[in-house]
Amino acid sequence: MMKFKIPEIKGENIKKYMVYLILVFCVGVLIFLAADIFSNIFGKSTNTKNDKNVEETVAKNIEVVGGGMSYEDRIKRDLVDILSQIKGVGKVNVMVYFEGSQETQPAYNINETSKVIQEKDNQGGTRTTNENNKSVNVVILNEGSNTKPLIVKQVNPSIGGVIVVAEGADNVAVKEMIKNAVKTVLNIPANKVSVESMKK
């Protein structure tokens, strides 16, 4: 049986080994710190870029309305706000008829796989089978403890008609200004806009 002898370290050799050990330790610490710094820099920039892309996609495709206000309510509010600022209009009430309802289209992650299987039977013939698999999953965003689908498109209901009741609608010029303003802001034809005088 072979025996291994550990060489004895004496005198100056001890100092050399200690210096080498300290150098190796310092180099290891430097490598570890450098790796940590690089991973933080590149990792954060990548994550920030990805988060920014997600935020931009959501911001572009989802109309964020404060206080849970719906698209319909916001249209009515904006119409009242803008019409009441027109000279001579006075107090305004608005009713908007919407055709259909708001629809949202989530982003989908689609995975398709295809496989060709060849089998030989006892008579020497070959049978070929094609297998196609497709899975469709909704893309989910994590917001803290909550999750929600990533919306890529929001389809708002079309406007079927608008009725504006205004104090200043007795004046023909003011009535025409109101009608033109509604047509312009909602991009609808004149026959879908009715302007009436408010009772005194």
Protein backbone atom coordinates (compact mmCIF):
# COMPACT_ATOMS: atom_id res chain seq x y z
CA MET A 1 0.00 0.00 0.00
CA MET A 2 1.40 3.40 -1.04
CA LYS A 3 1.72 6.17 1.52
CA PHE A 4 1.63 9.83 0.58
CA LYS A 5 3.72 12.20 2.55
CA ILE A 6 2.63 15.81 2.96
CA PRO A 7 5.73 17.97 2.63
CA GLU A 8 6.56 20.01 5.66
CA ILE A 9 6.39 23.75 5.26
CA LYS A 10 9.09 25.55 7.15
CA GLY A 11 10.51 29.03 7.51
CA GLU A 12 10.45 31.10 4.32
CA ASN A 13 8.19 28.60 2.59
CA ILE A 14 5.41 29.39 5.09
CA LYS A 15 5.60 33.05 4.16
CA LYS A 16 5.45 32.23 0.43
CA TYR A 17 2.43 29.95 0.87
CA MET A 18 0.66 32.57 2.98
CA VAL A 19 1.28 35.23 0.31
CA TYR A 20 -0.04 32.89 -2.42
CA LEU A 21 -3.12 32.04 -0.37
CA ILE A 22 -3.87 35.70 0.27
CA LEU A 23 -3.40 36.52 -3.44
CA VAL A 24 -5.69 33.67 -4.53
CA PHE A 25 -8.30 34.76 -1.99
CA CYS A 26 -8.14 38.41 -3.16
CA VAL A 27 -8.42 37.40 -6.84
CA GLY A 28 -11.44 35.21 -6.02
CA VAL A 29 -13.15 38.06 -4.15
CA LEU A 30 -12.47 40.46 -7.06
CA ILE A 31 -13.90 38.00 -9.60
CA PHE A 32 -16.98 37.49 -7.43
CA LEU A 33 -17.53 41.26 -7.04
CA ALA A 34 -17.00 41.91 -10.76
CA ALA A 35 -19.49 39.17 -11.70
CA ASP A 36 -22.04 40.58 -9.25
CA ILE A 37 -21.64 44.13 -10.59
CA PHE A 38 -21.94 43.03 -14.25
CA SER A 39 -24.99 40.88 -13.57
CA ASN A 40 -26.66 43.81 -11.77
CA ILE A 41 -25.90 46.24 -14.59
CA PHE A 42 -26.88 44.02 -17.51
CA GLY A 43 -29.64 42.18 -15.68
CA LYS A 44 -31.31 45.41 -14.55
CA SER A 45 -31.03 47.03 -17.96
CA THR A 46 -32.60 43.98 -19.63
CA ASN A 47 -35.38 43.76 -17.05
CA THR A 48 -36.01 47.49 -17.23
CA LYS A 49 -36.16 47.29 -21.03
CA ASN A 50 -38.59 44.37 -20.88
CA ASP A 51 -40.75 46.09 -18.24
CA LYS A 52 -40.71 49.27 -20.31
CA ASN A 53 -41.82 47.38 -23.43
CA VAL A 54 -44.68 45.76 -21.51
CA GLU A 55 -45.71 49.11 -20.03
CA GLU A 56 -45.59 50.80 -23.45
CA THR A 57 -47.66 48.02 -25.01
CA VAL A 58 -50.24 48.25 -22.26
CA ALA A 59 -50.25 52.06 -22.35
CA LYS A 60 -50.70 52.09 -26.14
CA ASN A 61 -53.49 49.55 -26.24
CA ILE A 62 -55.36 50.14 -22.99
CA GLU A 63 -57.03 53.44 -22.28
CA VAL A 64 -56.41 53.95 -18.59
CA VAL A 65 -59.28 55.87 -17.07
CA GLY A 66 -58.94 57.33 -13.59
CA GLY A 67 -61.41 56.39 -10.90
CA GLY A 68 -62.74 53.40 -12.83
CA MET A 69 -64.57 55.65 -15.33
CA SER A 70 -65.81 53.74 -18.36
CA TYR A 71 -65.23 54.77 -21.99
CA GLU A 72 -68.90 55.78 -22.29
CA ASP A 73 -68.82 57.96 -19.16
CA ARG A 74 -65.60 59.62 -20.25
CA ILE A 75 -67.06 60.53 -23.68
CA LYS A 76 -70.07 62.14 -21.99
CA ARG A 77 -67.91 64.02 -19.49
CA ASP A 78 -65.52 65.29 -22.18
CA LEU A 79 -68.41 66.45 -24.37
CA VAL A 80 -70.01 68.38 -21.52
CA ASP A 81 -66.62 69.91 -20.60
CA ILE A 82 -65.81 71.10 -24.13
CA LEU A 83 -69.31 72.26 -25.12
CA SER A 84 -69.79 74.28 -21.95
CA GLN A 85 -66.68 76.29 -22.88
CA ILE A 86 -68.16 77.49 -26.18
CA LYS A 87 -69.34 81.08 -26.01
CA GLY A 88 -73.10 81.36 -25.58
CA VAL A 89 -73.74 77.66 -24.90
CA GLY A 90 -74.30 77.94 -21.14
CA LYS A 91 -75.35 74.87 -19.16
CA VAL A 92 -75.17 71.58 -21.07
CA ASN A 93 -76.50 68.04 -20.70
CA VAL A 94 -75.44 65.26 -23.04
CA MET A 95 -76.81 61.82 -23.82
CA VAL A 96 -74.78 59.45 -26.01
CA TYR A 97 -76.20 56.25 -27.47
CA PHE A 98 -73.61 53.52 -27.96
CA GLU A 99 -74.04 50.55 -30.27
CA GLY A 100 -72.65 47.35 -28.77
CA SER A 101 -70.23 47.17 -25.87
CA GLN A 102 -66.52 47.54 -25.25
CA GLU A 103 -64.41 44.51 -26.20
CA THR A 104 -60.85 43.67 -25.26
CA GLN A 105 -58.50 41.30 -27.05
CA PRO A 106 -55.78 39.70 -24.92
CA ALA A 107 -52.35 38.68 -26.16
CA TYR A 108 -51.94 34.97 -26.84
CA ASN A 109 -48.88 32.76 -26.62
CA ILE A 110 -49.22 30.13 -29.37
CA ASN A 111 -47.05 27.02 -29.39
CA GLU A 112 -47.21 24.67 -32.37
CA THR A 113 -45.34 21.40 -32.64
CA SER A 114 -45.35 18.84 -35.42
CA LYS A 115 -43.89 15.36 -35.40
CA VAL A 116 -43.58 12.72 -38.14
CA ILE A 117 -43.73 9.10 -36.93
CA GLN A 118 -42.70 6.24 -39.23
CA GLU A 119 -43.65 2.70 -38.27
CA LYS A 120 -42.74 -0.57 -40.00
CA ASP A 121 -45.13 -3.49 -39.94
CA ASN A 122 -44.35 -7.23 -40.10
CA GLN A 123 -44.85 -7.34 -43.88
CA GLY A 124 -42.13 -4.74 -44.47
CA GLY A 125 -44.49 -1.88 -45.19
CA THR A 126 -44.04 1.59 -43.72
CA ARG A 127 -46.74 3.73 -42.18
CA THR A 128 -46.15 7.48 -41.74
CA THR A 129 -48.17 9.47 -39.19
CA ASN A 130 -48.11 13.24 -38.76
CA GLU A 131 -48.80 14.59 -35.28
CA ASN A 132 -49.62 18.30 -34.94
CA ASN A 133 -50.15 19.90 -31.55
CA LYS A 134 -51.19 23.47 -30.92
CA SER A 135 -51.58 25.17 -27.54
CA VAL A 136 -52.96 28.67 -27.07
CA ASN A 137 -52.46 30.46 -23.75
CA VAL A 138 -53.36 33.99 -22.70
CA VAL A 139 -50.30 36.09 -21.76
CA ILE A 140 -50.55 36.98 -18.07
CA LEU A 141 -48.92 39.98 -16.38
CA ASN A 142 -47.89 39.80 -12.73
CA GLU A 143 -48.54 42.94 -10.70
CA GLY A 144 -47.39 42.17 -7.19
CA SER A 145 -49.82 39.59 -5.83
CA ASN A 146 -52.31 40.17 -8.65
CA THR A 147 -52.34 38.82 -12.19
CA LYS A 148 -54.16 40.10 -15.25
CA PRO A 149 -54.14 39.37 -18.99
CA LEU A 150 -52.03 41.53 -21.31
CA ILE A 151 -54.48 43.44 -23.50
CA VAL A 152 -53.17 44.15 -27.01
CA LYS A 153 -56.31 45.70 -28.46
CA GLN A 154 -59.37 47.44 -27.09
CA VAL A 155 -62.36 47.93 -29.32
CA ASN A 156 -64.69 50.66 -28.14
CA PRO A 157 -68.39 50.63 -28.99
CA SER A 158 -69.46 52.75 -31.94
CA ILE A 159 -71.61 55.84 -31.36
CA GLY A 160 -75.17 55.54 -32.64
CA GLY A 161 -76.34 59.04 -31.78
CA VAL A 162 -75.88 62.10 -29.54
CA ILE A 163 -78.44 64.42 -27.99
CA VAL A 164 -77.23 67.74 -26.60
CA VAL A 165 -79.50 69.91 -24.47
CA ALA A 166 -78.04 73.39 -23.98
CA GLU A 167 -79.22 76.72 -22.56
CA GLY A 168 -77.89 78.65 -25.56
CA ALA A 169 -79.38 76.34 -28.22
CA ASP A 170 -82.19 78.91 -28.82
CA ASN A 171 -79.61 80.83 -30.84
CA VAL A 172 -79.30 79.32 -34.34
CA ALA A 173 -75.56 80.15 -34.59
CA VAL A 174 -74.83 78.58 -31.18
CA LYS A 175 -76.88 75.50 -32.12
CA GLU A 176 -74.84 75.09 -35.29
CA MET A 177 -71.57 75.49 -33.37
CA ILE A 178 -72.63 72.77 -30.93
CA LYS A 179 -73.56 70.40 -33.77
CA ASN A 180 -70.29 71.04 -35.60
CA ALA A 181 -68.27 70.52 -32.40
CA VAL A 182 -69.94 67.16 -31.66
CA LYS A 183 -69.52 66.00 -35.27
CA THR A 184 -65.84 66.92 -35.25
CA VAL A 185 -64.86 65.50 -31.88
CA LEU A 186 -66.72 62.20 -32.33
CA ASN A 187 -66.25 61.92 -36.11
CA ILE A 188 -69.93 61.16 -36.74
CA PRO A 189 -72.34 62.48 -39.43
CA ALA A 190 -74.76 65.36 -38.77
CA ASN A 191 -77.81 63.07 -38.84
CA LYS A 192 -76.54 61.40 -35.65
CA VAL A 193 -76.45 64.68 -33.68
CA SER A 194 -79.51 66.38 -32.22
CA VAL A 195 -79.21 69.74 -30.43
CA GLU A 196 -82.14 71.00 -28.35
CA SER A 197 -82.85 74.01 -26.15
CA MET A 198 -82.89 73.59 -22.39
CA LYS A 199 -86.12 74.53 -20.70
CA LYS A 200 -85.88 77.67 -18.60
